[in-house]
Structures are given as C-alpha cells and as structure tokens.
Amino acid sequence: MFLHRGSSSQFVGTLTAGTPITVTARNDDSGYAEVSDDQAKSGWVETRFLSDSVSRRARLEEVERDLEKVQQSHEGAGGKLASYEEEVRRLKTDNDKLKSKNGVLESEVKRVQNELAASDQDYQMTWFRNGAVVLGAGLLLGSLIPRLSIPRRRNNRW
C-alpha cells in the first residue's frame, strides 16, 4: 500500500499488505484514512485498501502453526494404528478358528442327537416286545388253565 502525505497524491512510503495498522483519522469525502503502524510510519491511504479482518498472511501463519500442532499430535498415532491393525488381523484369525471349531462341534451335536434318537427307538421297541410276550403268555395261560381238569377231592366226612 502506498502512504501519501495528507489526502493528496504525494507519495511518502509504502506499507506491506497485511501489516497491522491503527486508523487515527478518516476523511470520507476524499476516500482516505490517516494510519500509523508499530514502526512509527504514518500517512494517508485509500480506505478501499483497509480491512477489519485478519490479513491473509497472518491467517496463513496461524493455520501453519495449527497444522504443525496437528501433525505433531498425529506422529504418535501411526504406531498406534499399526498395532491396532495387527490386533484386528489377530482377532480375525481367532474368529475364523472359532467359527471352524463351532462347525465341528455343531456336527458332533447332530451326530449325538441322532444316536440318542436311535437308542431311544431301540429301547421302546424292546419294551414293546417284552409287553407283547407278557400279553401272549397271559392269553395262553388264560385260555389253557380253564381247560385243564384238575380232579377235586371231595371231603365228605360226615
């Protein structure tokens, strides 16, 4: 920015864009403002070059500092990430082993259930046969005993 003497066009120096300044006077008719910086430079500049916001240069420096802080905080995260990835791989391997073992155990449970069902059916058939034998023997004896004639003794002792 060019510094002028008064609100005229006489040039007295320059200010770097983004330099913090203090506005000491303003002339809205001419469109100039009197300013001074921290190095005791003073003069008049066009008001269209003034801004209340932080300069882009100062903002860039602030963003670069913030970026450096973030990068420093993330430097240690790389090691943690690698250890987490290794832990995830280990857990996936363990999970696959457990799934395989689960499949084997499920088939074993089905086999034992089938054996138990077959054994239960054999047990029921044994009891059915035993009952049939008892029934048959009872019918046979029930029909034969009345036909057997057993002589009765008569006791007439009178």
Protein backbone atom coordinates (compact mmCIF):
# COMPACT_ATOMS: atom_id res chain seq x y z
CA MET A 1 0.00 0.00 0.00
CA PHE A 2 1.21 3.47 -0.76
CA LEU A 3 1.37 6.06 2.00
CA HIS A 4 0.54 9.63 0.97
CA ARG A 5 1.17 12.98 2.65
CA GLY A 6 -2.26 14.23 3.60
CA SER A 7 -5.17 13.17 1.48
CA SER A 8 -3.26 14.12 -1.65
CA SER A 9 -1.40 12.12 -4.20
CA GLN A 10 2.09 12.95 -2.89
CA PHE A 11 3.78 9.61 -2.15
CA VAL A 12 5.84 9.26 1.10
CA GLY A 13 6.31 5.49 1.56
CA THR A 14 4.77 2.03 1.49
CA LEU A 15 3.18 -0.46 3.86
CA THR A 16 3.25 -4.19 3.26
CA ALA A 17 -0.17 -5.72 2.76
CA GLY A 18 -1.37 -7.36 5.96
CA THR A 19 0.62 -5.07 8.25
CA PRO A 20 -1.36 -4.25 11.41
CA ILE A 21 -2.16 -0.53 11.50
CA THR A 22 -4.10 1.95 13.59
CA VAL A 23 -6.55 4.33 11.91
CA THR A 24 -6.14 7.75 13.52
CA ALA A 25 -8.42 9.82 11.23
CA ARG A 26 -10.83 9.34 8.37
CA ASN A 27 -11.94 11.61 5.50
CA ASP A 28 -14.96 10.03 3.86
CA ASP A 29 -15.20 12.79 1.23
CA SER A 30 -11.75 12.05 -0.26
CA GLY A 31 -11.84 8.29 0.49
CA TYR A 32 -8.59 8.43 2.54
CA ALA A 33 -7.75 7.49 6.12
CA GLU A 34 -4.76 8.50 8.25
CA VAL A 35 -2.95 5.41 9.59
CA SER A 36 0.16 4.55 11.58
CA ASP A 37 1.94 1.20 12.14
CA ASP A 38 4.03 -0.11 15.02
CA GLN A 39 7.27 1.23 13.40
CA ALA A 40 6.04 4.83 13.60
CA LYS A 41 5.29 5.09 9.88
CA SER A 42 2.25 7.24 9.30
CA GLY A 43 0.42 8.66 6.35
CA TRP A 44 -2.80 8.55 4.43
CA VAL A 45 -4.08 5.52 2.46
CA GLU A 46 -7.17 4.90 0.40
CA THR A 47 -9.92 3.43 2.58
CA ARG A 48 -10.71 0.77 -0.03
CA PHE A 49 -7.42 -0.94 0.93
CA LEU A 50 -8.33 -1.13 4.64
CA SER A 51 -9.94 -4.16 6.25
CA ASP A 52 -11.04 -5.00 9.78
CA SER A 53 -10.37 -8.70 9.29
CA VAL A 54 -7.10 -10.50 9.97
CA SER A 55 -4.78 -10.35 6.99
CA ARG A 56 -4.33 -13.43 4.85
CA ARG A 57 -0.65 -13.52 5.73
CA ALA A 58 -1.37 -13.53 9.47
CA ARG A 59 -4.14 -16.10 8.94
CA LEU A 60 -1.74 -18.27 6.90
CA GLU A 61 0.84 -18.17 9.71
CA GLU A 62 -1.85 -19.13 12.22
CA VAL A 63 -3.06 -22.01 10.04
CA GLU A 64 0.53 -23.22 9.54
CA ARG A 65 1.05 -23.27 13.34
CA ASP A 66 -2.19 -25.19 13.81
CA LEU A 67 -1.16 -27.63 11.07
CA GLU A 68 2.19 -28.22 12.75
CA LYS A 69 0.46 -28.93 16.08
CA VAL A 70 -1.91 -31.39 14.41
CA GLN A 71 0.95 -33.12 12.58
CA GLN A 72 2.88 -33.45 15.85
CA SER A 73 -0.14 -34.92 17.60
CA HIS A 74 -0.62 -37.40 14.75
CA GLU A 75 3.00 -38.56 14.66
CA GLY A 76 2.43 -40.94 17.56
CA ALA A 77 -0.83 -42.15 16.07
CA GLY A 78 0.97 -44.01 13.26
CA GLY A 79 2.43 -46.55 15.68
CA LYS A 80 -0.89 -46.96 17.43
CA LEU A 81 -2.63 -47.50 14.11
CA ALA A 82 -0.18 -50.24 13.14
CA SER A 83 -0.69 -52.02 16.47
CA TYR A 84 -4.47 -51.71 16.10
CA GLU A 85 -4.30 -53.15 12.58
CA GLU A 86 -2.22 -56.07 13.87
CA GLU A 87 -4.75 -56.64 16.67
CA VAL A 88 -7.60 -56.65 14.13
CA ARG A 89 -5.74 -59.24 11.99
CA ARG A 90 -5.15 -61.42 15.05
CA LEU A 91 -8.79 -61.17 16.11
CA LYS A 92 -9.97 -62.08 12.60
CA THR A 93 -7.73 -65.16 12.64
CA ASP A 94 -9.04 -66.16 16.06
CA ASN A 95 -12.60 -65.60 14.85
CA ASP A 96 -12.03 -67.86 11.82
CA LYS A 97 -10.61 -70.60 14.07
CA LEU A 98 -13.58 -70.33 16.41
CA LYS A 99 -16.04 -70.50 13.50
CA SER A 100 -14.33 -73.66 12.25
CA LYS A 101 -14.38 -75.21 15.71
CA ASN A 102 -18.04 -74.23 16.09
CA GLY A 103 -18.89 -76.03 12.83
CA VAL A 104 -17.16 -79.21 14.04
CA LEU A 105 -18.99 -79.06 17.38
CA GLU A 106 -22.35 -78.49 15.70
CA SER A 107 -21.88 -81.59 13.53
CA GLU A 108 -20.86 -83.58 16.62
CA VAL A 109 -24.02 -82.44 18.44
CA LYS A 110 -26.16 -83.54 15.48
CA ARG A 111 -24.45 -86.94 15.40
CA VAL A 112 -25.01 -87.49 19.14
CA GLN A 113 -28.65 -86.39 18.83
CA ASN A 114 -29.19 -88.92 16.02
CA GLU A 115 -27.55 -91.68 18.09
CA LEU A 116 -29.74 -90.79 21.07
CA ALA A 117 -32.89 -90.89 18.92
CA ALA A 118 -31.93 -94.30 17.51
CA SER A 119 -31.12 -95.63 21.00
CA ASP A 120 -34.43 -94.34 22.34
CA GLN A 121 -36.30 -96.06 19.50
CA ASP A 122 -34.46 -99.37 20.22
CA TYR A 123 -35.34 -99.02 23.91
CA GLN A 124 -39.02 -98.50 23.11
CA MET A 125 -39.05 -101.49 20.76
CA THR A 126 -37.53 -103.70 23.48
CA TRP A 127 -40.26 -102.71 25.93
CA PHE A 128 -42.90 -103.25 23.23
CA ARG A 129 -41.60 -106.80 22.60
CA ASN A 130 -41.47 -107.56 26.32
CA GLY A 131 -45.05 -106.36 26.68
CA ALA A 132 -46.16 -108.46 23.72
CA VAL A 133 -44.54 -111.57 25.23
CA VAL A 134 -46.24 -110.95 28.58
CA LEU A 135 -49.58 -110.37 26.83
CA GLY A 136 -49.19 -113.51 24.73
CA ALA A 137 -48.24 -115.60 27.77
CA GLY A 138 -51.19 -114.21 29.70
CA LEU A 139 -53.63 -115.03 26.90
CA LEU A 140 -52.21 -118.51 26.51
CA LEU A 141 -52.38 -119.27 30.17
CA GLY A 142 -55.80 -117.67 30.43
CA SER A 143 -57.17 -119.92 27.75
CA LEU A 144 -55.39 -123.14 28.84
CA ILE A 145 -55.95 -123.14 32.56
CA PRO A 146 -59.73 -123.39 32.41
CA ARG A 147 -59.45 -126.37 30.09
CA LEU A 148 -57.24 -128.33 32.35
CA SER A 149 -59.31 -130.51 34.53
CA ILE A 150 -57.96 -130.94 37.93
CA PRO A 151 -59.74 -133.54 39.94
CA ARG A 152 -61.14 -132.10 43.07
CA ARG A 153 -61.28 -134.00 46.20
CA ARG A 154 -64.47 -134.06 47.89
CA ASN A 155 -64.40 -134.20 51.53
CA ASN A 156 -67.48 -135.87 52.76
CA ARG A 157 -66.50 -136.77 56.17
CA TRP A 158 -69.77 -136.63 57.71
